[in-house]
Every structure is written in structure tokens, then in C-alpha cells.
PDB file of all heavy atoms in Angstrom:
ATOM      1  N   ALA A   1       0.832  -1.212   0.000  1.00  0.00           N
ATOM      2  CA  ALA A   1       0.000   0.000   0.000  1.00  0.00           C
ATOM      3  C   ALA A   1       0.864   1.258   0.000  1.00  0.00           C
ATOM      4  O   ALA A   1       0.572   2.214  -0.728  1.00  0.00           O
ATOM      5  CB  ALA A   1      -0.940  -0.002   1.198  1.00  0.00           C
ATOM      6  N   GLU A   2       1.926   1.277   0.789  1.00  0.00           N
ATOM      7  CA  GLU A   2       2.808   2.446   0.853  1.00  0.00           C
ATOM      8  C   GLU A   2       3.420   2.741  -0.512  1.00  0.00           C
ATOM      9  O   GLU A   2       3.441   3.890  -0.967  1.00  0.00           O
ATOM     10  CB  GLU A   2       3.926   2.210   1.872  1.00  0.00           C
ATOM     11  CG  GLU A   2       4.931   3.340   1.933  1.00  0.00           C
ATOM     12  CD  GLU A   2       6.138   3.032   2.811  1.00  0.00           C
ATOM     13  OE1 GLU A   2       6.197   1.964   3.448  1.00  0.00           O
ATOM     14  OE2 GLU A   2       7.042   3.887   2.844  1.00  0.00           O
ATOM     15  N   ILE A   3       3.899   1.705  -1.186  1.00  0.00           N
ATOM     16  CA  ILE A   3       4.500   1.900  -2.509  1.00  0.00           C
ATOM     17  C   ILE A   3       3.455   2.419  -3.494  1.00  0.00           C
ATOM     18  O   ILE A   3       3.714   3.351  -4.264  1.00  0.00           O
ATOM     19  CB  ILE A   3       5.134   0.584  -3.009  1.00  0.00           C
ATOM     20  CG1 ILE A   3       6.308   0.198  -2.100  1.00  0.00           C
ATOM     21  CG2 ILE A   3       5.580   0.714  -4.471  1.00  0.00           C
ATOM     22  CD1 ILE A   3       6.795  -1.227  -2.280  1.00  0.00           C
ATOM     23  N   MET A   4       2.253   1.842  -3.450  1.00  0.00           N
ATOM     24  CA  MET A   4       1.193   2.251  -4.374  1.00  0.00           C
ATOM     25  C   MET A   4       0.763   3.696  -4.132  1.00  0.00           C
ATOM     26  O   MET A   4       0.574   4.452  -5.082  1.00  0.00           O
ATOM     27  CB  MET A   4       0.007   1.296  -4.257  1.00  0.00           C
ATOM     28  CG  MET A   4       0.309  -0.096  -4.802  1.00  0.00           C
ATOM     29  SD  MET A   4      -0.966  -1.322  -4.418  1.00  0.00           S
ATOM     30  CE  MET A   4      -2.347  -0.718  -5.391  1.00  0.00           C
ATOM     31  N   VAL A   5       0.624   4.086  -2.878  1.00  0.00           N
ATOM     32  CA  VAL A   5       0.197   5.455  -2.542  1.00  0.00           C
ATOM     33  C   VAL A   5       1.211   6.479  -3.042  1.00  0.00           C
ATOM     34  O   VAL A   5       0.839   7.551  -3.510  1.00  0.00           O
ATOM     35  CB  VAL A   5      -0.011   5.598  -1.016  1.00  0.00           C
ATOM     36  CG1 VAL A   5      -0.069   7.054  -0.596  1.00  0.00           C
ATOM     37  CG2 VAL A   5      -1.273   4.886  -0.587  1.00  0.00           C
ATOM     38  N   GLU A   6       2.486   6.138  -2.964  1.00  0.00           N
ATOM     39  CA  GLU A   6       3.543   7.071  -3.359  1.00  0.00           C
ATOM     40  C   GLU A   6       3.759   7.144  -4.868  1.00  0.00           C
ATOM     41  O   GLU A   6       4.561   7.944  -5.335  1.00  0.00           O
ATOM     42  CB  GLU A   6       4.856   6.681  -2.678  1.00  0.00           C
ATOM     43  CG  GLU A   6       4.842   6.911  -1.184  1.00  0.00           C
ATOM     44  CD  GLU A   6       6.170   6.561  -0.527  1.00  0.00           C
ATOM     45  OE1 GLU A   6       7.134   6.220  -1.244  1.00  0.00           O
ATOM     46  OE2 GLU A   6       6.226   6.624   0.701  1.00  0.00           O
ATOM     47  N   THR A   7       3.058   6.318  -5.644  1.00  0.00           N
ATOM     48  CA  THR A   7       3.235   6.271  -7.089  1.00  0.00           C
ATOM     49  C   THR A   7       2.181   7.129  -7.779  1.00  0.00           C
ATOM     50  O   THR A   7       0.991   6.875  -7.644  1.00  0.00           O
ATOM     51  CB  THR A   7       3.131   4.813  -7.596  1.00  0.00           C
ATOM     52  OG1 THR A   7       4.104   4.017  -6.920  1.00  0.00           O
ATOM     53  CG2 THR A   7       3.359   4.745  -9.095  1.00  0.00           C
ATOM     54  N   ASP A   8       2.611   8.144  -8.509  1.00  0.00           N
ATOM     55  CA  ASP A   8       1.674   9.001  -9.246  1.00  0.00           C
ATOM     56  C   ASP A   8       1.193   8.349 -10.536  1.00  0.00           C
ATOM     57  O   ASP A   8       0.021   8.413 -10.873  1.00  0.00           O
ATOM     58  CB  ASP A   8       2.321  10.346  -9.575  1.00  0.00           C
ATOM     59  CG  ASP A   8       2.600  11.176  -8.335  1.00  0.00           C
ATOM     60  OD1 ASP A   8       1.825  11.068  -7.364  1.00  0.00           O
ATOM     61  OD2 ASP A   8       3.596  11.907  -8.329  1.00  0.00           O
ATOM     62  N   ILE A   9       2.130   7.755 -11.273  1.00  0.00           N
ATOM     63  CA  ILE A   9       1.800   7.128 -12.545  1.00  0.00           C
ATOM     64  C   ILE A   9       2.153   5.644 -12.465  1.00  0.00           C
ATOM     65  O   ILE A   9       3.308   5.280 -12.274  1.00  0.00           O
ATOM     66  CB  ILE A   9       2.572   7.773 -13.723  1.00  0.00           C
ATOM     67  CG1 ILE A   9       2.305   9.274 -13.806  1.00  0.00           C
ATOM     68  CG2 ILE A   9       2.221   7.067 -15.040  1.00  0.00           C
ATOM     69  CD1 ILE A   9       0.872   9.649 -14.126  1.00  0.00           C
ATOM     70  N   ALA A  10       1.140   4.801 -12.606  1.00  0.00           N
ATOM     71  CA  ALA A  10       1.333   3.354 -12.641  1.00  0.00           C
ATOM     72  C   ALA A  10       1.361   2.919 -14.107  1.00  0.00           C
ATOM     73  O   ALA A  10       1.004   3.690 -14.999  1.00  0.00           O
ATOM     74  CB  ALA A  10       0.199   2.656 -11.897  1.00  0.00           C
ATOM     75  N   VAL A  11       1.777   1.687 -14.360  1.00  0.00           N
ATOM     76  CA  VAL A  11       1.779   1.157 -15.718  1.00  0.00           C
ATOM     77  C   VAL A  11       0.843  -0.050 -15.752  1.00  0.00           C
ATOM     78  O   VAL A  11       1.054  -1.037 -15.053  1.00  0.00           O
ATOM     79  CB  VAL A  11       3.198   0.762 -16.171  1.00  0.00           C
ATOM     80  CG1 VAL A  11       3.163   0.137 -17.567  1.00  0.00           C
ATOM     81  CG2 VAL A  11       4.121   1.979 -16.159  1.00  0.00           C
ATOM     82  N   LEU A  12      -0.214   0.071 -16.561  1.00  0.00           N
ATOM     83  CA  LEU A  12      -1.201  -0.975 -16.738  1.00  0.00           C
ATOM     84  C   LEU A  12      -0.816  -1.813 -17.951  1.00  0.00           C
ATOM     85  O   LEU A  12      -0.593  -1.265 -19.035  1.00  0.00           O
ATOM     86  CB  LEU A  12      -2.587  -0.361 -16.958  1.00  0.00           C
ATOM     87  CG  LEU A  12      -3.708  -1.321 -17.361  1.00  0.00           C
ATOM     88  CD1 LEU A  12      -4.100  -2.206 -16.185  1.00  0.00           C
ATOM     89  CD2 LEU A  12      -4.910  -0.536 -17.869  1.00  0.00           C
ATOM     90  N   THR A  13      -0.726  -3.130 -17.768  1.00  0.00           N
ATOM     91  CA  THR A  13      -0.439  -4.037 -18.872  1.00  0.00           C
ATOM     92  C   THR A  13      -1.639  -4.950 -19.059  1.00  0.00           C
ATOM     93  O   THR A  13      -2.149  -5.527 -18.106  1.00  0.00           O
ATOM     94  CB  THR A  13       0.830  -4.866 -18.597  1.00  0.00           C
ATOM     95  OG1 THR A  13       1.930  -3.971 -18.396  1.00  0.00           O
ATOM     96  CG2 THR A  13       1.159  -5.794 -19.759  1.00  0.00           C
ATOM     97  N   TYR A  14      -2.084  -5.051 -20.312  1.00  0.00           N
ATOM     98  CA  TYR A  14      -3.246  -5.874 -20.654  1.00  0.00           C
ATOM     99  C   TYR A  14      -2.957  -6.594 -21.969  1.00  0.00           C
ATOM    100  O   TYR A  14      -1.954  -6.334 -22.639  1.00  0.00           O
ATOM    101  CB  TYR A  14      -4.511  -5.009 -20.767  1.00  0.00           C
ATOM    102  CG  TYR A  14      -4.429  -3.917 -21.807  1.00  0.00           C
ATOM    103  CD1 TYR A  14      -4.894  -4.124 -23.104  1.00  0.00           C
ATOM    104  CD2 TYR A  14      -3.870  -2.682 -21.502  1.00  0.00           C
ATOM    105  CE1 TYR A  14      -4.801  -3.126 -24.064  1.00  0.00           C
ATOM    106  CE2 TYR A  14      -3.777  -1.682 -22.453  1.00  0.00           C
ATOM    107  CZ  TYR A  14      -4.240  -1.913 -23.730  1.00  0.00           C
ATOM    108  OH  TYR A  14      -4.149  -0.932 -24.676  1.00  0.00           O
ATOM    109  N   VAL A  15      -3.847  -7.524 -22.335  1.00  0.00           N
ATOM    110  CA  VAL A  15      -3.698  -8.276 -23.573  1.00  0.00           C
ATOM    111  C   VAL A  15      -4.567  -7.612 -24.638  1.00  0.00           C
ATOM    112  O   VAL A  15      -5.782  -7.490 -24.471  1.00  0.00           O
ATOM    113  CB  VAL A  15      -4.115  -9.749 -23.387  1.00  0.00           C
ATOM    114  CG1 VAL A  15      -3.949 -10.525 -24.689  1.00  0.00           C
ATOM    115  CG2 VAL A  15      -3.314 -10.400 -22.265  1.00  0.00           C
ATOM    116  N   SER A  16      -3.929  -7.181 -25.734  1.00  0.00           N
ATOM    117  CA  SER A  16      -4.663  -6.511 -26.815  1.00  0.00           C
ATOM    118  C   SER A  16      -5.578  -7.508 -27.526  1.00  0.00           C
ATOM    119  O   SER A  16      -5.460  -8.728 -27.338  1.00  0.00           O
ATOM    120  CB  SER A  16      -3.688  -5.892 -27.817  1.00  0.00           C
ATOM    121  OG  SER A  16      -3.027  -6.910 -28.554  1.00  0.00           O
ATOM    122  N   LEU A  17      -6.461  -6.993 -28.364  1.00  0.00           N
ATOM    123  CA  LEU A  17      -7.383  -7.856 -29.104  1.00  0.00           C
ATOM    124  C   LEU A  17      -6.651  -8.811 -30.049  1.00  0.00           C
ATOM    125  O   LEU A  17      -7.170  -9.879 -30.367  1.00  0.00           O
ATOM    126  CB  LEU A  17      -8.389  -7.005 -29.884  1.00  0.00           C
ATOM    127  CG  LEU A  17      -9.410  -6.276 -29.006  1.00  0.00           C
ATOM    128  CD1 LEU A  17     -10.254  -5.314 -29.841  1.00  0.00           C
ATOM    129  CD2 LEU A  17     -10.291  -7.259 -28.259  1.00  0.00           C
ATOM    130  N   ASP A  18      -5.424  -8.441 -30.474  1.00  0.00           N
ATOM    131  CA  ASP A  18      -4.663  -9.347 -31.337  1.00  0.00           C
ATOM    132  C   ASP A  18      -3.677 -10.211 -30.544  1.00  0.00           C
ATOM    133  O   ASP A  18      -2.814 -10.864 -31.118  1.00  0.00           O
ATOM    134  CB  ASP A  18      -3.973  -8.589 -32.470  1.00  0.00           C
ATOM    135  CG  ASP A  18      -2.981  -7.539 -31.988  1.00  0.00           C
ATOM    136  OD1 ASP A  18      -2.803  -7.382 -30.769  1.00  0.00           O
ATOM    137  OD2 ASP A  18      -2.373  -6.867 -32.842  1.00  0.00           O
ATOM    138  N   GLY A  19      -3.814 -10.212 -29.211  1.00  0.00           N
ATOM    139  CA  GLY A  19      -3.045 -11.129 -28.375  1.00  0.00           C
ATOM    140  C   GLY A  19      -1.700 -10.642 -27.892  1.00  0.00           C
ATOM    141  O   GLY A  19      -0.963 -11.394 -27.254  1.00  0.00           O
ATOM    142  N   HIS A  20      -1.352  -9.398 -28.153  1.00  0.00           N
ATOM    143  CA  HIS A  20      -0.071  -8.853 -27.700  1.00  0.00           C
ATOM    144  C   HIS A  20      -0.222  -8.178 -26.335  1.00  0.00           C
ATOM    145  O   HIS A  20      -1.284  -7.636 -26.017  1.00  0.00           O
ATOM    146  CB  HIS A  20       0.466  -7.827 -28.714  1.00  0.00           C
ATOM    147  CG  HIS A  20       0.821  -8.449 -30.013  1.00  0.00           C
ATOM    148  ND1 HIS A  20      -0.035  -8.440 -31.093  1.00  0.00           N
ATOM    149  CD2 HIS A  20       1.926  -9.118 -30.411  1.00  0.00           C
ATOM    150  CE1 HIS A  20       0.532  -9.068 -32.092  1.00  0.00           C
ATOM    151  NE2 HIS A  20       1.723  -9.503 -31.708  1.00  0.00           N
ATOM    152  N   LEU A  21       0.851  -8.183 -25.572  1.00  0.00           N
ATOM    153  CA  LEU A  21       0.858  -7.429 -24.315  1.00  0.00           C
ATOM    154  C   LEU A  21       1.060  -5.958 -24.638  1.00  0.00           C
ATOM    155  O   LEU A  21       1.942  -5.601 -25.424  1.00  0.00           O
ATOM    156  CB  LEU A  21       1.968  -7.916 -23.392  1.00  0.00           C
ATOM    157  CG  LEU A  21       1.783  -9.320 -22.826  1.00  0.00           C
ATOM    158  CD1 LEU A  21       3.004  -9.720 -22.006  1.00  0.00           C
ATOM    159  CD2 LEU A  21       0.528  -9.412 -21.986  1.00  0.00           C
ATOM    160  N   VAL A  22       0.263  -5.109 -24.010  1.00  0.00           N
ATOM    161  CA  VAL A  22       0.348  -3.664 -24.206  1.00  0.00           C
ATOM    162  C   VAL A  22       0.447  -3.025 -22.828  1.00  0.00           C
ATOM    163  O   VAL A  22      -0.315  -3.370 -21.923  1.00  0.00           O
ATOM    164  CB  VAL A  22      -0.902  -3.119 -24.935  1.00  0.00           C
ATOM    165  CG1 VAL A  22      -0.844  -1.613 -25.063  1.00  0.00           C
ATOM    166  CG2 VAL A  22      -1.065  -3.776 -26.298  1.00  0.00           C
ATOM    167  N   SER A  23       1.370  -2.105 -22.669  1.00  0.00           N
ATOM    168  CA  SER A  23       1.523  -1.379 -21.407  1.00  0.00           C
ATOM    169  C   SER A  23       1.250   0.097 -21.644  1.00  0.00           C
ATOM    170  O   SER A  23       1.706   0.659 -22.640  1.00  0.00           O
ATOM    171  CB  SER A  23       2.935  -1.549 -20.847  1.00  0.00           C
ATOM    172  OG  SER A  23       3.164  -2.910 -20.532  1.00  0.00           O
ATOM    173  N   THR A  24       0.520   0.699 -20.723  1.00  0.00           N
ATOM    174  CA  THR A  24       0.170   2.112 -20.867  1.00  0.00           C
ATOM    175  C   THR A  24       0.216   2.792 -19.498  1.00  0.00           C
ATOM    176  O   THR A  24      -0.177   2.191 -18.498  1.00  0.00           O
ATOM    177  CB  THR A  24      -1.222   2.264 -21.514  1.00  0.00           C
ATOM    178  OG1 THR A  24      -1.474   3.631 -21.769  1.00  0.00           O
ATOM    179  CG2 THR A  24      -2.323   1.696 -20.655  1.00  0.00           C
ATOM    180  N   PRO A  25       0.718   4.028 -19.451  1.00  0.00           N
ATOM    181  CA  PRO A  25       0.726   4.740 -18.163  1.00  0.00           C
ATOM    182  C   PRO A  25      -0.688   5.139 -17.766  1.00  0.00           C
ATOM    183  O   PRO A  25      -1.502   5.508 -18.613  1.00  0.00           O
ATOM    184  CB  PRO A  25       1.591   5.964 -18.443  1.00  0.00           C
ATOM    185  CG  PRO A  25       1.530   6.163 -19.923  1.00  0.00           C
ATOM    186  CD  PRO A  25       1.299   4.823 -20.534  1.00  0.00           C
ATOM    187  N   MET A  26      -0.975   5.029 -16.485  1.00  0.00           N
ATOM    188  CA  MET A  26      -2.287   5.395 -15.943  1.00  0.00           C
ATOM    189  C   MET A  26      -2.070   6.205 -14.673  1.00  0.00           C
ATOM    190  O   MET A  26      -1.258   5.823 -13.828  1.00  0.00           O
ATOM    191  CB  MET A  26      -3.105   4.140 -15.608  1.00  0.00           C
ATOM    192  CG  MET A  26      -3.380   3.216 -16.783  1.00  0.00           C
ATOM    193  SD  MET A  26      -4.525   3.889 -17.990  1.00  0.00           S
ATOM    194  CE  MET A  26      -6.068   3.805 -17.115  1.00  0.00           C
ATOM    195  N   GLY A  27      -2.809   7.279 -14.543  1.00  0.00           N
ATOM    196  CA  GLY A  27      -2.724   8.088 -13.337  1.00  0.00           C
ATOM    197  C   GLY A  27      -3.337   7.340 -12.160  1.00  0.00           C
ATOM    198  O   GLY A  27      -4.466   6.864 -12.244  1.00  0.00           O
ATOM    199  N   THR A  28      -2.584   7.206 -11.103  1.00  0.00           N
ATOM    200  CA  THR A  28      -3.090   6.548  -9.911  1.00  0.00           C
ATOM    201  C   THR A  28      -4.161   7.428  -9.292  1.00  0.00           C
ATOM    202  O   THR A  28      -3.899   8.571  -8.932  1.00  0.00           O
ATOM    203  CB  THR A  28      -1.943   6.296  -8.901  1.00  0.00           C
ATOM    204  OG1 THR A  28      -0.972   5.456  -9.524  1.00  0.00           O
ATOM    205  CG2 THR A  28      -2.451   5.646  -7.632  1.00  0.00           C
ATOM    206  N   GLN A  29      -5.368   6.931  -9.197  1.00  0.00           N
ATOM    207  CA  GLN A  29      -6.476   7.704  -8.664  1.00  0.00           C
ATOM    208  C   GLN A  29      -6.705   7.399  -7.194  1.00  0.00           C
ATOM    209  O   GLN A  29      -6.694   8.266  -6.361  1.00  0.00           O
ATOM    210  CB  GLN A  29      -7.764   7.430  -9.452  1.00  0.00           C
ATOM    211  CG  GLN A  29      -7.706   7.918 -10.875  1.00  0.00           C
ATOM    212  CD  GLN A  29      -7.491   9.410 -10.975  1.00  0.00           C
ATOM    213  OE1 GLN A  29      -8.012  10.190 -10.203  1.00  0.00           O
ATOM    214  NE2 GLN A  29      -6.699   9.817 -11.944  1.00  0.00           N
ATOM    215  N   ASP A  30      -6.952   6.138  -6.900  1.00  0.00           N
ATOM    216  CA  ASP A  30      -7.335   5.787  -5.543  1.00  0.00           C
ATOM    217  C   ASP A  30      -7.330   4.279  -5.418  1.00  0.00           C
ATOM    218  O   ASP A  30      -7.390   3.560  -6.403  1.00  0.00           O
ATOM    219  CB  ASP A  30      -8.748   6.308  -5.250  1.00  0.00           C
ATOM    220  CG  ASP A  30      -9.135   6.197  -3.782  1.00  0.00           C
ATOM    221  OD1 ASP A  30      -8.235   6.063  -2.937  1.00  0.00           O
ATOM    222  OD2 ASP A  30     -10.335   6.241  -3.495  1.00  0.00           O
ATOM    223  N   PHE A  31      -7.240   3.820  -4.209  1.00  0.00           N
ATOM    224  CA  PHE A  31      -7.524   2.427  -3.940  1.00  0.00           C
ATOM    225  C   PHE A  31      -8.075   2.312  -2.536  1.00  0.00           C
ATOM    226  O   PHE A  31      -7.712   3.059  -1.643  1.00  0.00           O
ATOM    227  CB  PHE A  31      -6.312   1.525  -4.169  1.00  0.00           C
ATOM    228  CG  PHE A  31      -5.142   1.766  -3.262  1.00  0.00           C
ATOM    229  CD1 PHE A  31      -5.043   1.118  -2.046  1.00  0.00           C
ATOM    230  CD2 PHE A  31      -4.133   2.627  -3.645  1.00  0.00           C
ATOM    231  CE1 PHE A  31      -3.958   1.333  -1.222  1.00  0.00           C
ATOM    232  CE2 PHE A  31      -3.045   2.852  -2.831  1.00  0.00           C
ATOM    233  CZ  PHE A  31      -2.963   2.198  -1.607  1.00  0.00           C
ATOM    234  N   GLU A  32      -9.031   1.402  -2.400  1.00  0.00           N
ATOM    235  CA  GLU A  32      -9.639   1.168  -1.091  1.00  0.00           C
ATOM    236  C   GLU A  32      -8.666   0.395  -0.221  1.00  0.00           C
ATOM    237  O   GLU A  32      -8.566   0.604   0.974  1.00  0.00           O
ATOM    238  CB  GLU A  32     -10.956   0.422  -1.274  1.00  0.00           C
ATOM    239  CG  GLU A  32     -11.979   1.275  -2.017  1.00  0.00           C
ATOM    240  CD  GLU A  32     -13.103   0.467  -2.623  1.00  0.00           C
ATOM    241  OE1 GLU A  32     -13.236  -0.734  -2.336  1.00  0.00           O
ATOM    242  OE2 GLU A  32     -13.854   1.067  -3.408  1.00  0.00           O
ATOM    243  N   ASP A  33      -7.971  -0.516  -0.831  1.00  0.00           N
ATOM    244  CA  ASP A  33      -6.877  -1.270  -0.251  1.00  0.00           C
ATOM    245  C   ASP A  33      -6.104  -1.787  -1.457  1.00  0.00           C
ATOM    246  O   ASP A  33      -6.568  -1.631  -2.581  1.00  0.00           O
ATOM    247  CB  ASP A  33      -7.400  -2.401   0.657  1.00  0.00           C
ATOM    248  CG  ASP A  33      -8.264  -3.395  -0.087  1.00  0.00           C
ATOM    249  OD1 ASP A  33      -7.731  -4.114  -0.975  1.00  0.00           O
ATOM    250  OD2 ASP A  33      -9.472  -3.470   0.186  1.00  0.00           O
ATOM    251  N   PRO A  34      -4.938  -2.372  -1.273  1.00  0.00           N
ATOM    252  CA  PRO A  34      -4.189  -2.804  -2.455  1.00  0.00           C
ATOM    253  C   PRO A  34      -4.955  -3.798  -3.332  1.00  0.00           C
ATOM    254  O   PRO A  34      -4.631  -3.969  -4.497  1.00  0.00           O
ATOM    255  CB  PRO A  34      -2.932  -3.449  -1.867  1.00  0.00           C
ATOM    256  CG  PRO A  34      -2.750  -2.774  -0.559  1.00  0.00           C
ATOM    257  CD  PRO A  34      -4.152  -2.536  -0.045  1.00  0.00           C
ATOM    258  N   GLY A  35      -5.987  -4.420  -2.793  1.00  0.00           N
ATOM    259  CA  GLY A  35      -6.767  -5.383  -3.559  1.00  0.00           C
ATOM    260  C   GLY A  35      -7.793  -4.760  -4.482  1.00  0.00           C
ATOM    261  O   GLY A  35      -8.334  -5.430  -5.345  1.00  0.00           O
ATOM    262  N   THR A  36      -8.098  -3.471  -4.335  1.00  0.00           N
ATOM    263  CA  THR A  36      -9.060  -2.795  -5.204  1.00  0.00           C
ATOM    264  C   THR A  36      -8.514  -1.421  -5.576  1.00  0.00           C
ATOM    265  O   THR A  36      -8.432  -0.552  -4.724  1.00  0.00           O
ATOM    266  CB  THR A  36     -10.433  -2.629  -4.521  1.00  0.00           C
ATOM    267  OG1 THR A  36     -10.886  -3.901  -4.063  1.00  0.00           O
ATOM    268  CG2 THR A  36     -11.449  -2.039  -5.470  1.00  0.00           C
ATOM    269  N   THR A  37      -8.122  -1.271  -6.836  1.00  0.00           N
ATOM    270  CA  THR A  37      -7.581  -0.002  -7.306  1.00  0.00           C
ATOM    271  C   THR A  37      -8.471   0.543  -8.416  1.00  0.00           C
ATOM    272  O   THR A  37      -9.188  -0.206  -9.077  1.00  0.00           O
ATOM    273  CB  THR A  37      -6.142  -0.160  -7.819  1.00  0.00           C
ATOM    274  OG1 THR A  37      -6.131  -1.071  -8.907  1.00  0.00           O
ATOM    275  CG2 THR A  37      -5.222  -0.673  -6.741  1.00  0.00           C
ATOM    276  N   TRP A  38      -8.410   1.847  -8.615  1.00  0.00           N
ATOM    277  CA  TRP A  38      -9.266   2.538  -9.582  1.00  0.00           C
ATOM    278  C   TRP A  38      -8.452   3.415 -10.518  1.00  0.00           C
ATOM    279  O   TRP A  38      -7.531   4.107 -10.081  1.00  0.00           O
ATOM    280  CB  TRP A  38     -10.261   3.437  -8.850  1.00  0.00           C
ATOM    281  CG  TRP A  38     -11.221   2.720  -7.977  1.00  0.00           C
ATOM    282  CD1 TRP A  38     -11.058   2.431  -6.649  1.00  0.00           C
ATOM    283  CD2 TRP A  38     -12.504   2.216  -8.334  1.00  0.00           C
ATOM    284  NE1 TRP A  38     -12.167   1.778  -6.170  1.00  0.00           N
ATOM    285  CE2 TRP A  38     -13.075   1.631  -7.182  1.00  0.00           C
ATOM    286  CE3 TRP A  38     -13.230   2.206  -9.518  1.00  0.00           C
ATOM    287  CZ2 TRP A  38     -14.330   1.037  -7.187  1.00  0.00           C
ATOM    288  CZ3 TRP A  38     -14.487   1.625  -9.530  1.00  0.00           C
ATOM    289  CH2 TRP A  38     -15.017   1.045  -8.365  1.00  0.00           C
ATOM    290  N   PHE A  39      -8.854   3.414 -11.797  1.00  0.00           N
ATOM    291  CA  PHE A  39      -8.288   4.302 -12.797  1.00  0.00           C
ATOM    292  C   PHE A  39      -9.433   4.883 -13.615  1.00  0.00           C
ATOM    293  O   PHE A  39     -10.501   4.284 -13.716  1.00  0.00           O
ATOM    294  CB  PHE A  39      -7.338   3.557 -13.742  1.00  0.00           C
ATOM    295  CG  PHE A  39      -6.140   2.975 -13.059  1.00  0.00           C
ATOM    296  CD1 PHE A  39      -6.093   1.633 -12.737  1.00  0.00           C
ATOM    297  CD2 PHE A  39      -5.053   3.775 -12.730  1.00  0.00           C
ATOM    298  CE1 PHE A  39      -4.990   1.087 -12.100  1.00  0.00           C
ATOM    299  CE2 PHE A  39      -3.945   3.248 -12.095  1.00  0.00           C
ATOM    300  CZ  PHE A  39      -3.915   1.896 -11.777  1.00  0.00           C
ATOM    301  N   LEU A  40      -9.198   6.036 -14.223  1.00  0.00           N
ATOM    302  CA  LEU A  40     -10.167   6.654 -15.128  1.00  0.00           C
ATOM    303  C   LEU A  40      -9.703   6.413 -16.557  1.00  0.00           C
ATOM    304  O   LEU A  40      -8.505   6.478 -16.850  1.00  0.00           O
ATOM    305  CB  LEU A  40     -10.250   8.157 -14.879  1.00  0.00           C
ATOM    306  CG  LEU A  40     -10.535   8.615 -13.450  1.00  0.00           C
ATOM    307  CD1 LEU A  40     -10.540  10.137 -13.377  1.00  0.00           C
ATOM    308  CD2 LEU A  40     -11.842   8.052 -12.947  1.00  0.00           C
ATOM    309  N   THR A  41     -10.656   6.157 -17.441  1.00  0.00           N
ATOM    310  CA  THR A  41     -10.312   5.949 -18.849  1.00  0.00           C
ATOM    311  C   THR A  41     -11.528   6.253 -19.712  1.00  0.00           C
ATOM    312  O   THR A  41     -12.574   6.643 -19.198  1.00  0.00           O
ATOM    313  CB  THR A  41      -9.786   4.509 -19.089  1.00  0.00           C
ATOM    314  OG1 THR A  41      -9.176   4.443 -20.374  1.00  0.00           O
ATOM    315  CG2 THR A  41     -10.888   3.478 -18.930  1.00  0.00           C
ATOM    316  N   GLU A  42     -11.386   6.061 -21.005  1.00  0.00           N
ATOM    317  CA  GLU A  42     -12.474   6.333 -21.945  1.00  0.00           C
ATOM    318  C   GLU A  42     -12.999   5.025 -22.527  1.00  0.00           C
ATOM    319  O   GLU A  42     -12.230   4.192 -22.998  1.00  0.00           O
ATOM    320  CB  GLU A  42     -11.981   7.266 -23.049  1.00  0.00           C
ATOM    321  CG  GLU A  42     -11.637   8.637 -22.489  1.00  0.00           C
ATOM    322  CD  GLU A  42     -10.802   9.480 -23.420  1.00  0.00           C
ATOM    323  OE1 GLU A  42      -9.875   8.941 -24.051  1.00  0.00           O
ATOM    324  OE2 GLU A  42     -11.079  10.692 -23.494  1.00  0.00           O
TER     325      GLU A  42
END
């Protein structure tokens, strides 16, 4: 939790529709605990 709170920009990695790993920076918004984190997107 301490490491996560101190991080402004996290890197989200997901599997693209064509099966490749894609990493993108995401602004750390909030988390209730390390088990539930939130990001804003479109």
C-alpha cells in the first residue's frame, strides 16, 4: 500500500485484441486497499 500510494503514474499491462501485451501509463487515482484499485479511462 505504501508503494502504491507514493506512485503518481502506474503502468497498466493488458492483452490486446490481437493477443499482444500492451503497457500504458495510468494516473493513480485511488484504492480502497491494495486489492481494489481505480483508474479513469475512456
